[in-house]
Amino acid sequence: MAKTRIGNQNPTKSVFLPSVKSEYKKAIDLYRKTGRKEQIWQENLLKHLLAKNQDNLWTHTKFGYSLPRRNGKNEVVAIRELYGLFSGEKGLHTAHRTTTSHAAFERLIKFLNDIGFVEKEDYKALRQFGLEKIEMIKEYTGVICFRTRSAKGGLGEGFDYLIIDEAQEYTDDQESALKYVVTDSKNPQTIFCGTPPTVVSGGTVFVNMRNKALEGGMKNTAWAEWSVDEMSDVHDKELWYMCNPSLGTIFTERSIEDEIGTDDVDFNIQRLGLWLKYNQKSAISEKDWERLKVNSLPKFKGKLYVGIKYGKDGINVAMSIAVKTLSNRIFVEAIDCQNVRNGNLWIINFLKNANIDKVIIDGASGQNILANEMKEYGIKTNLILPSVKEIIIANAKFEQGIFQESILHNNQPSLTAVATNCEKRWIGSQGGFGYKSQFEDRDIALLDSVILAHYLASEKKQKSKQKVSY
């Protein structure tokens, strides 16, 4: 019988510091008592995770690793936590979602029960949802708490090690609240585990940690990942095996085949471990923007979608259009950006004479005024006043469109100057993002209006909460 092929057991990128010894065998022995067997890649990672220096302290006070989804990355954390319970450590497991931290709690409880330990006799368990805790009794003194992250989580408590689960969602505010919880420990360790961030992931800490670790700019830090370096063929099975160490053990080629859809970017991130790259000077690089340029206008189909943005400072208002093409891509074009003192007549005249499907207006400084003027001038069209959630989705879709190359433009100098000289800003409370200009003389409202127009064109069925029709 042919031997089943399994995925690559070694990280495609890694940074590990030299060590004197490792506690991984003790951790593995405990894990095997549950009736489970570790995979080779998990054992290899634990060697470095539980490595110690000549002072008998953890070699890596910070340890980050990233894998595509469903590979069993949380099993490594669970083994580390099991070791902590039997070595007298106090741990804190944090996650972005309460369901995730609760699942980690249940996993560790299952480990203890499978070893043969009995609740209330060998360990105590607090099962309050969102405030779970496991505490060993009798000869063992380890403790671990499970919490959902917030900007205040963990303040006032001290721990020996900290787990940052779903690290791609770990924000700067949360880090400010949590990074000090292990300061008082004589042998602290912080472990980050997650997947590469998607276009709507809210965290920045994981990305910055990865970049600095791979550049050699962080002390006492380890990093490991399974990933491709650039957008790759979703059907390339060799890449499946290179980036998924548990392919052939936890899941199969057929499982991956079922995951392939129309979103190649998402597949590259979620299954091939791609970390999206940006120009250091701009969130949208000149190279990315250049790829979307057309030399001649494409064939259009359907009506126009209009995006209007009143600037945050209330000085300018910008208008842009988007239209679908026969190739099922979206062509965008900026109409103008003018001082609000000029009034809205230039916008009204355009709307009255163009073949328009929908209009979307954002910006509290002029949103309602323009809506009323449209009504006064008898402009009958679907008008959308977007919510914060819709703005977040619009920005995410635009970024996705850039990397999928589903957006087209004719290289207008003013639009190109703004688009290739912008950086991200975080908006809302759920990790959403928008853009801001890197230069004061280039109003981001122009790009924002393009993003709004693109959003309308990309929506098959509008799901706006607030609509006004005339």
Protein backbone atom coordinates (compact mmCIF):
# COMPACT_ATOMS: atom_id res chain seq x y z
CA MET A 1 0.00 0.00 0.00
CA ALA A 2 1.32 3.44 -0.97
CA LYS A 3 2.29 5.71 1.89
CA THR A 4 -0.01 8.70 2.37
CA ARG A 5 1.68 11.94 1.47
CA ILE A 6 1.74 14.58 4.21
CA GLY A 7 2.44 18.30 4.19
CA ASN A 8 5.74 20.05 4.73
CA GLN A 9 6.72 19.62 8.40
CA ASN A 10 9.13 22.55 8.50
CA PRO A 11 8.27 26.27 8.38
CA THR A 12 8.85 28.04 5.09
CA LYS A 13 10.19 30.99 7.10
CA SER A 14 11.54 30.90 10.64
CA VAL A 15 13.72 32.72 13.15
CA PHE A 16 14.88 30.69 16.17
CA LEU A 17 17.56 31.62 18.69
CA PRO A 18 20.16 29.11 19.94
CA SER A 19 19.33 27.40 23.22
CA VAL A 20 20.90 25.12 25.82
CA LYS A 21 18.01 22.71 26.40
CA SER A 22 14.27 22.30 25.91
CA GLU A 23 11.33 21.14 28.02
CA TYR A 24 9.43 19.85 24.97
CA LYS A 25 9.80 16.15 25.86
CA LYS A 26 8.02 16.69 29.19
CA ALA A 27 5.22 18.47 27.37
CA ILE A 28 4.98 15.74 24.72
CA ASP A 29 4.88 12.99 27.35
CA LEU A 30 1.96 14.72 29.08
CA TYR A 31 0.15 15.13 25.77
CA ARG A 32 0.56 11.48 24.86
CA LYS A 33 -1.07 10.49 28.16
CA THR A 34 -4.31 11.91 26.71
CA GLY A 35 -4.18 9.19 24.04
CA ARG A 36 -3.16 11.64 21.33
CA LYS A 37 -0.05 11.73 19.17
CA GLU A 38 1.64 14.93 18.13
CA GLN A 39 2.57 15.64 14.53
CA ILE A 40 6.22 16.13 13.57
CA TRP A 41 5.79 19.84 12.85
CA GLN A 42 4.11 20.36 16.23
CA GLU A 43 6.95 18.61 18.04
CA ASN A 44 9.53 20.67 16.09
CA LEU A 45 7.75 23.90 17.03
CA LEU A 46 7.54 22.88 20.70
CA LYS A 47 11.30 22.27 20.79
CA HIS A 48 11.83 25.97 20.20
CA LEU A 49 8.79 27.18 22.10
CA LEU A 50 9.96 25.42 25.29
CA ALA A 51 13.67 26.05 24.73
CA LYS A 52 15.71 27.46 27.63
CA ASN A 53 18.97 29.36 27.89
CA GLN A 54 21.93 28.89 30.24
CA ASP A 55 20.08 30.76 33.01
CA ASN A 56 17.23 28.24 32.80
CA LEU A 57 14.91 30.93 31.41
CA TRP A 58 12.82 30.73 28.24
CA THR A 59 15.04 31.44 25.25
CA HIS A 60 12.14 33.14 23.52
CA THR A 61 10.14 35.50 25.70
CA LYS A 62 8.03 36.20 22.61
CA PHE A 63 7.09 33.40 20.23
CA GLY A 64 4.93 33.93 17.15
CA TYR A 65 3.76 31.46 14.55
CA SER A 66 1.30 31.47 11.67
CA LEU A 67 -0.33 28.68 9.69
CA PRO A 68 -3.20 28.43 7.22
CA ARG A 69 -6.53 27.46 8.72
CA ARG A 70 -7.45 24.00 10.11
CA ASN A 71 -3.85 22.79 10.45
CA GLY A 72 -4.02 22.33 14.23
CA LYS A 73 -2.06 25.38 15.34
CA ASN A 74 -4.08 25.59 18.56
CA GLU A 75 -2.96 22.10 19.54
CA VAL A 76 0.54 23.51 20.06
CA VAL A 77 -0.87 26.13 22.44
CA ALA A 78 -2.91 23.47 24.25
CA ILE A 79 0.20 21.32 24.79
CA ARG A 80 2.02 24.38 26.13
CA GLU A 81 -0.89 25.06 28.51
CA LEU A 82 -1.00 21.45 29.67
CA TYR A 83 2.71 21.69 30.47
CA GLY A 84 2.04 24.92 32.38
CA LEU A 85 -0.61 23.29 34.58
CA PHE A 86 1.84 20.59 35.64
CA SER A 87 4.82 22.92 36.14
CA GLY A 88 3.13 25.40 38.45
CA GLU A 89 2.77 28.28 36.00
CA LYS A 90 -0.07 30.77 35.89
CA GLY A 91 -1.29 31.38 32.33
CA LEU A 92 -3.74 33.65 30.54
CA HIS A 93 -5.30 32.54 27.25
CA THR A 94 -6.87 35.42 25.30
CA ALA A 95 -8.80 35.35 22.04
CA HIS A 96 -10.66 37.77 19.78
CA ARG A 97 -13.95 35.91 20.23
CA THR A 98 -15.45 34.51 23.40
CA THR A 99 -16.38 31.30 21.57
CA THR A 100 -12.71 30.79 20.69
CA SER A 101 -11.43 31.23 24.24
CA HIS A 102 -14.21 28.96 25.52
CA ALA A 103 -13.27 26.28 22.97
CA ALA A 104 -9.66 26.45 24.22
CA PHE A 105 -10.94 25.97 27.80
CA GLU A 106 -13.01 22.93 26.78
CA ARG A 107 -10.05 21.44 24.89
CA LEU A 108 -7.81 21.60 27.96
CA ILE A 109 -10.54 20.14 30.18
CA LYS A 110 -10.82 17.23 27.74
CA PHE A 111 -7.05 16.69 27.95
CA LEU A 112 -7.17 16.46 31.74
CA ASN A 113 -10.14 14.09 31.72
CA ASP A 114 -8.51 11.85 29.11
CA ILE A 115 -5.37 11.63 31.24
CA GLY A 116 -7.58 10.37 34.05
CA PHE A 117 -7.91 13.42 36.25
CA VAL A 118 -11.24 14.08 37.92
CA GLU A 119 -12.81 17.48 38.30
CA LYS A 120 -13.08 18.67 41.95
CA GLU A 121 -10.64 15.96 43.01
CA ASP A 122 -7.61 16.80 40.85
CA TYR A 123 -8.56 20.17 39.44
CA LYS A 124 -11.14 22.91 39.79
CA ALA A 125 -12.93 24.44 36.81
CA LEU A 126 -14.78 27.75 36.70
CA ARG A 127 -17.17 27.46 33.75
CA GLN A 128 -18.60 30.96 33.60
CA PHE A 129 -18.75 31.82 29.88
CA GLY A 130 -16.06 34.39 29.12
CA LEU A 131 -14.42 34.01 32.56
CA GLU A 132 -13.30 30.36 32.49
CA LYS A 133 -10.52 29.10 34.73
CA ILE A 134 -8.72 25.82 35.45
CA GLU A 135 -6.80 25.38 38.68
CA MET A 136 -4.86 22.26 39.64
CA ILE A 137 -5.08 20.98 43.22
CA LYS A 138 -3.13 18.49 45.35
CA GLU A 139 0.51 18.21 44.22
CA TYR A 140 0.16 20.41 41.12
CA THR A 141 -0.28 24.17 41.35
CA GLY A 142 -0.75 25.37 37.77
CA VAL A 143 -3.55 27.80 36.89
CA ILE A 144 -4.88 29.13 33.60
CA CYS A 145 -7.58 31.73 32.86
CA PHE A 146 -9.44 32.25 29.58
CA ARG A 147 -10.58 35.70 28.49
CA THR A 148 -11.88 37.58 25.48
CA ARG A 149 -9.57 40.48 24.65
CA SER A 150 -10.45 44.10 25.22
CA ALA A 151 -8.56 47.34 25.75
CA LYS A 152 -8.83 46.73 29.53
CA GLY A 153 -8.51 42.95 29.70
CA GLY A 154 -5.96 41.59 32.12
CA LEU A 155 -5.19 44.85 33.92
CA GLY A 156 -4.37 44.31 37.58
CA GLU A 157 -3.58 40.60 37.19
CA GLY A 158 -0.21 38.91 36.94
CA PHE A 159 0.67 35.80 34.91
CA ASP A 160 3.72 33.78 33.90
CA TYR A 161 2.72 33.31 30.30
CA LEU A 162 0.25 34.94 27.93
CA ILE A 163 -1.42 33.36 24.91
CA ILE A 164 -2.55 35.66 22.10
CA ASP A 165 -4.93 33.43 20.13
CA GLU A 166 -6.37 34.79 16.85
CA ALA A 167 -3.33 37.07 16.84
CA GLN A 168 -4.24 38.58 13.47
CA GLU A 169 -6.96 40.52 15.34
CA TYR A 170 -4.67 41.75 18.15
CA THR A 171 -4.76 45.55 18.25
CA ASP A 172 -2.36 48.15 19.66
CA ASP A 173 -4.87 49.12 22.37
CA GLN A 174 -5.21 45.51 23.48
CA GLU A 175 -1.44 45.08 23.55
CA SER A 176 -1.10 48.18 25.74
CA ALA A 177 -3.48 46.59 28.23
CA LEU A 178 -2.08 43.06 28.13
CA LYS A 179 1.67 43.17 27.59
CA TYR A 180 2.36 44.11 31.21
CA VAL A 181 0.50 41.15 32.74
CA VAL A 182 3.66 38.99 32.57
CA THR A 183 6.09 41.69 33.68
CA ASP A 184 6.28 40.49 37.29
CA SER A 185 6.97 36.87 36.34
CA LYS A 186 10.48 35.57 36.93
CA ASN A 187 10.30 33.69 33.63
CA PRO A 188 7.69 35.33 31.35
CA GLN A 189 6.61 34.23 27.89
CA THR A 190 4.09 35.59 25.39
CA ILE A 191 2.89 33.33 22.57
CA PHE A 192 1.19 34.66 19.43
CA CYS A 193 -0.63 32.23 17.16
CA GLY A 194 -2.86 33.00 14.21
CA THR A 195 -3.29 33.16 10.47
CA PRO A 196 -2.22 35.87 8.04
CA PRO A 197 -4.64 38.81 8.31
CA THR A 198 -7.38 39.13 5.72
CA VAL A 199 -8.47 42.43 4.21
CA VAL A 200 -10.89 42.98 7.12
CA SER A 201 -8.64 41.86 9.99
CA GLY A 202 -8.31 44.57 12.61
CA GLY A 203 -4.97 43.80 14.21
CA THR A 204 -1.60 45.39 13.50
CA VAL A 205 0.59 43.90 16.25
CA PHE A 206 0.95 40.47 14.60
CA VAL A 207 1.98 42.00 11.27
CA ASN A 208 4.53 44.30 12.88
CA MET A 209 5.93 41.47 14.98
CA ARG A 210 6.38 39.29 11.92
CA ASN A 211 8.10 42.00 9.92
CA LYS A 212 10.51 42.92 12.70
CA ALA A 213 11.29 39.30 13.57
CA LEU A 214 12.10 38.37 9.97
CA GLU A 215 14.25 41.50 9.67
CA GLY A 216 16.14 40.52 12.84
CA GLY A 217 14.94 43.56 14.73
CA MET A 218 13.45 41.92 17.85
CA LYS A 219 15.32 40.52 20.84
CA ASN A 220 14.39 37.23 22.52
CA THR A 221 11.83 36.57 19.77
CA ALA A 222 11.04 33.55 17.61
CA TRP A 223 8.91 33.40 14.49
CA ALA A 224 7.69 30.55 12.28
CA GLU A 225 5.26 30.45 9.37
CA TRP A 226 4.06 28.30 6.50
CA SER A 227 3.39 30.56 3.53
CA VAL A 228 3.85 31.54 -0.11
CA ASP A 229 5.69 34.77 -0.91
CA GLU A 230 3.28 36.08 -3.54
CA MET A 231 -0.10 35.51 -5.15
CA SER A 232 0.00 31.94 -6.45
CA ASP A 233 -2.00 29.43 -8.48
CA VAL A 234 -4.79 28.12 -6.25
CA HIS A 235 -4.74 24.79 -8.14
CA ASP A 236 -1.04 24.12 -7.52
CA LYS A 237 -1.04 21.04 -5.26
CA GLU A 238 2.67 21.35 -4.54
CA LEU A 239 1.94 24.66 -2.83
CA TRP A 240 -0.87 23.03 -0.86
CA TYR A 241 1.62 20.58 0.61
CA MET A 242 4.32 23.21 1.12
CA CYS A 243 2.06 25.49 3.19
CA ASN A 244 -0.12 22.99 5.06
CA PRO A 245 1.82 20.65 7.38
CA SER A 246 -1.36 18.78 8.35
CA LEU A 247 -2.43 18.00 4.80
CA GLY A 248 -2.71 14.23 4.68
CA THR A 249 -3.34 13.90 8.42
CA ILE A 250 -6.09 16.33 9.49
CA PHE A 251 -7.53 17.05 6.04
CA THR A 252 -7.17 15.89 2.44
CA GLU A 253 -6.59 17.21 -1.06
CA ARG A 254 -10.29 16.79 -1.71
CA SER A 255 -11.09 19.08 1.23
CA ILE A 256 -8.92 21.79 -0.29
CA GLU A 257 -10.46 21.32 -3.74
CA ASP A 258 -13.85 22.09 -2.21
CA GLU A 259 -12.49 25.36 -0.79
CA ILE A 260 -11.52 26.80 -4.18
CA GLY A 261 -13.98 29.45 -5.30
CA THR A 262 -13.89 32.74 -7.16
CA ASP A 263 -11.80 34.60 -4.56
CA ASP A 264 -8.18 33.70 -5.29
CA VAL A 265 -6.88 36.31 -2.85
CA ASP A 266 -8.80 34.83 0.06
CA PHE A 267 -7.62 31.31 -0.83
CA ASN A 268 -4.01 32.52 -0.97
CA ILE A 269 -4.37 34.05 2.49
CA GLN A 270 -6.42 31.35 4.20
CA ARG A 271 -4.96 28.21 2.61
CA LEU A 272 -1.53 29.22 1.29
CA GLY A 273 -0.59 31.56 4.16
CA LEU A 274 0.00 34.64 2.00
CA TRP A 275 0.87 37.85 3.82
CA LEU A 276 -0.30 40.71 1.64
CA LYS A 277 2.49 43.18 0.93
CA TYR A 278 2.20 46.93 0.64
CA ASN A 279 4.54 49.63 -0.54
CA GLN A 280 6.27 50.98 2.56
CA LYS A 281 5.32 54.50 1.52
CA SER A 282 1.73 53.78 0.61
CA ALA A 283 -1.01 51.28 1.43
CA ILE A 284 -1.59 51.09 -2.34
CA SER A 285 1.72 50.77 -4.16
CA GLU A 286 2.48 52.36 -7.52
CA LYS A 287 3.04 48.87 -8.93
CA ASP A 288 -0.36 47.63 -7.78
CA TRP A 289 -2.10 50.74 -9.12
CA GLU A 290 -0.19 50.60 -12.42
CA ARG A 291 -1.45 47.06 -13.08
CA LEU A 292 -5.02 48.35 -13.13
CA LYS A 293 -4.42 51.04 -15.78
CA VAL A 294 -6.11 50.74 -19.19
CA ASN A 295 -4.67 52.15 -22.41
CA SER A 296 -8.09 52.55 -23.98
CA LEU A 297 -11.55 52.69 -22.51
CA PRO A 298 -13.18 49.24 -22.11
CA LYS A 299 -16.71 48.40 -23.24
CA PHE A 300 -19.23 49.37 -20.58
CA LYS A 301 -22.51 47.79 -19.60
CA GLY A 302 -25.29 49.15 -17.45
CA LYS A 303 -25.72 52.50 -15.74
CA LEU A 304 -23.29 54.58 -13.70
CA TYR A 305 -22.76 54.35 -9.96
CA VAL A 306 -21.84 57.64 -8.30
CA GLY A 307 -19.83 58.07 -5.10
CA ILE A 308 -19.75 61.44 -3.34
CA LYS A 309 -17.55 62.17 -0.33
CA TYR A 310 -17.49 65.28 1.84
CA GLY A 311 -14.03 65.56 3.37
CA LYS A 312 -13.49 65.01 7.06
CA ASP A 313 -12.37 68.62 7.54
CA GLY A 314 -15.44 69.94 5.71
CA ILE A 315 -13.37 71.84 3.13
CA ASN A 316 -13.76 69.76 -0.04
CA VAL A 317 -16.29 67.47 -1.68
CA ALA A 318 -15.32 64.87 -4.30
CA MET A 319 -17.38 62.92 -6.82
CA SER A 320 -16.45 59.81 -8.79
CA ILE A 321 -18.17 57.19 -10.90
CA ALA A 322 -17.92 53.45 -11.40
CA VAL A 323 -19.35 51.32 -14.19
CA LYS A 324 -19.26 47.63 -14.96
CA THR A 325 -17.46 46.40 -18.06
CA LEU A 326 -18.20 43.56 -20.46
CA SER A 327 -15.29 41.65 -18.88
CA ASN A 328 -17.10 41.82 -15.50
CA ARG A 329 -14.61 44.23 -14.02
CA ILE A 330 -15.30 47.70 -12.66
CA PHE A 331 -13.99 50.88 -14.28
CA VAL A 332 -13.59 53.86 -11.92
CA GLU A 333 -13.03 57.52 -12.71
CA ALA A 334 -12.83 60.69 -10.61
CA ILE A 335 -15.11 63.51 -11.80
CA ASP A 336 -13.87 66.37 -9.62
CA CYS A 337 -12.94 67.55 -6.16
CA GLN A 338 -14.00 71.11 -5.28
CA ASN A 339 -14.20 73.41 -2.31
CA VAL A 340 -17.58 73.20 -0.61
CA ARG A 341 -17.84 76.99 -0.91
CA ASN A 342 -18.50 76.47 -4.60
CA GLY A 343 -21.79 74.85 -3.67
CA ASN A 344 -23.30 71.63 -5.00
CA LEU A 345 -24.57 72.85 -8.36
CA TRP A 346 -21.73 71.16 -10.28
CA ILE A 347 -22.77 67.88 -8.65
CA ILE A 348 -26.46 68.47 -9.33
CA ASN A 349 -25.80 69.23 -13.02
CA PHE A 350 -23.85 66.00 -13.42
CA LEU A 351 -26.51 63.90 -11.71
CA LYS A 352 -29.30 65.43 -13.82
CA ASN A 353 -27.58 64.63 -17.11
CA ALA A 354 -25.93 61.26 -16.46
CA ASN A 355 -27.48 57.79 -16.80
CA ILE A 356 -27.30 56.82 -13.13
CA ASP A 357 -28.38 53.72 -11.25
CA LYS A 358 -27.44 54.63 -7.66
CA VAL A 359 -25.78 57.45 -5.72
CA ILE A 360 -24.00 57.08 -2.39
CA ILE A 361 -23.07 60.11 -0.25
CA ASP A 362 -20.80 60.04 2.80
CA GLY A 363 -19.76 62.88 5.06
CA ALA A 364 -21.86 64.46 7.79
CA SER A 365 -20.76 67.97 6.80
CA GLY A 366 -22.78 67.95 3.57
CA GLN A 367 -24.61 64.65 3.23
CA ASN A 368 -28.10 65.80 4.16
CA ILE A 369 -27.80 69.17 2.41
CA LEU A 370 -27.02 67.51 -0.91
CA ALA A 371 -29.78 64.93 -0.41
CA ASN A 372 -32.32 67.74 0.03
CA GLU A 373 -31.00 69.64 -3.01
CA MET A 374 -31.33 66.50 -5.14
CA LYS A 375 -34.95 66.27 -4.09
CA GLU A 376 -35.54 69.95 -4.88
CA TYR A 377 -34.09 69.57 -8.38
CA GLY A 378 -36.23 66.51 -9.04
CA ILE A 379 -33.38 64.04 -9.36
CA LYS A 380 -35.01 60.64 -9.09
CA THR A 381 -32.48 57.96 -8.26
CA ASN A 382 -31.67 55.50 -5.51
CA LEU A 383 -29.80 57.43 -2.85
CA ILE A 384 -27.77 55.70 -0.15
CA LEU A 385 -26.46 57.30 3.03
CA PRO A 386 -24.05 54.63 4.26
CA SER A 387 -23.53 53.35 7.79
CA VAL A 388 -20.07 52.91 9.31
CA LYS A 389 -20.35 49.18 8.66
CA GLU A 390 -20.96 49.81 4.95
CA ILE A 391 -17.97 52.17 4.77
CA ILE A 392 -15.78 49.45 6.29
CA ILE A 393 -17.06 46.91 3.76
CA ALA A 394 -16.55 49.39 0.91
CA ASN A 395 -12.88 49.90 1.83
CA ALA A 396 -12.30 46.17 2.23
CA LYS A 397 -13.89 45.44 -1.17
CA PHE A 398 -11.78 48.10 -2.84
CA GLU A 399 -8.58 46.66 -1.41
CA GLN A 400 -9.66 43.18 -2.45
CA GLY A 401 -10.45 44.49 -5.94
CA ILE A 402 -6.94 45.90 -6.25
CA PHE A 403 -5.30 42.56 -5.48
CA GLN A 404 -7.77 40.60 -7.61
CA GLU A 405 -7.19 43.13 -10.41
CA SER A 406 -10.94 43.49 -10.90
CA ILE A 407 -10.69 47.32 -10.91
CA LEU A 408 -9.76 49.41 -13.95
CA HIS A 409 -8.82 53.11 -14.26
CA ASN A 410 -7.38 55.44 -16.91
CA ASN A 411 -4.51 56.80 -14.80
CA GLN A 412 -5.91 60.22 -13.96
CA PRO A 413 -2.98 62.17 -12.43
CA SER A 414 -4.96 63.55 -9.48
CA LEU A 415 -6.46 60.15 -8.56
CA THR A 416 -3.16 58.32 -9.03
CA ALA A 417 -1.35 60.85 -6.82
CA VAL A 418 -3.80 60.29 -3.96
CA ALA A 419 -4.15 56.51 -4.36
CA THR A 420 -0.39 55.85 -4.37
CA ASN A 421 0.34 58.15 -1.45
CA CYS A 422 -2.06 56.96 1.21
CA GLU A 423 -1.94 54.88 4.36
CA LYS A 424 -4.51 52.99 6.38
CA ARG A 425 -6.45 54.40 9.29
CA TRP A 426 -8.57 52.26 11.60
CA ILE A 427 -12.26 53.06 11.88
CA GLY A 428 -15.22 51.65 13.79
CA SER A 429 -15.03 49.28 16.75
CA GLN A 430 -14.72 46.02 14.82
CA GLY A 431 -11.28 46.46 13.25
CA GLY A 432 -12.38 48.18 10.03
CA PHE A 433 -10.08 50.47 8.07
CA GLY A 434 -10.17 53.45 5.75
CA TYR A 435 -7.46 55.55 4.12
CA LYS A 436 -5.74 58.83 4.86
CA SER A 437 -3.46 60.94 2.69
CA GLN A 438 0.26 61.16 3.39
CA PHE A 439 0.34 64.72 2.11
CA GLU A 440 -1.80 67.66 3.18
CA ASP A 441 -2.25 68.98 -0.37
CA ARG A 442 -3.83 65.73 -1.59
CA ASP A 443 -7.36 65.27 -0.31
CA ILE A 444 -8.22 61.64 0.44
CA ALA A 445 -11.88 62.50 -0.28
CA LEU A 446 -11.11 61.92 -3.97
CA LEU A 447 -10.07 58.32 -3.34
CA ASP A 448 -12.93 57.85 -0.87
CA SER A 449 -15.46 58.88 -3.54
CA VAL A 450 -13.97 56.29 -5.92
CA ILE A 451 -14.21 53.63 -3.22
CA LEU A 452 -17.88 54.49 -2.62
CA ALA A 453 -18.71 54.30 -6.32
CA HIS A 454 -16.86 50.98 -6.63
CA TYR A 455 -18.80 49.65 -3.65
CA LEU A 456 -22.13 50.31 -5.38
CA ALA A 457 -20.95 48.68 -8.59
CA SER A 458 -19.67 45.63 -6.73
CA GLU A 459 -22.91 45.04 -4.85
CA LYS A 460 -25.29 42.72 -6.68
CA LYS A 461 -28.02 43.62 -4.24
CA GLN A 462 -27.73 46.70 -2.11
CA LYS A 463 -28.13 46.06 1.61
CA SER A 464 -28.07 49.58 2.93
CA LYS A 465 -29.82 50.30 6.22
CA GLN A 466 -30.62 53.87 5.26
CA LYS A 467 -32.09 54.56 1.81
CA VAL A 468 -33.91 57.52 0.35
CA SER A 469 -35.72 57.25 -2.99
CA TYR A 470 -37.24 60.07 -5.01
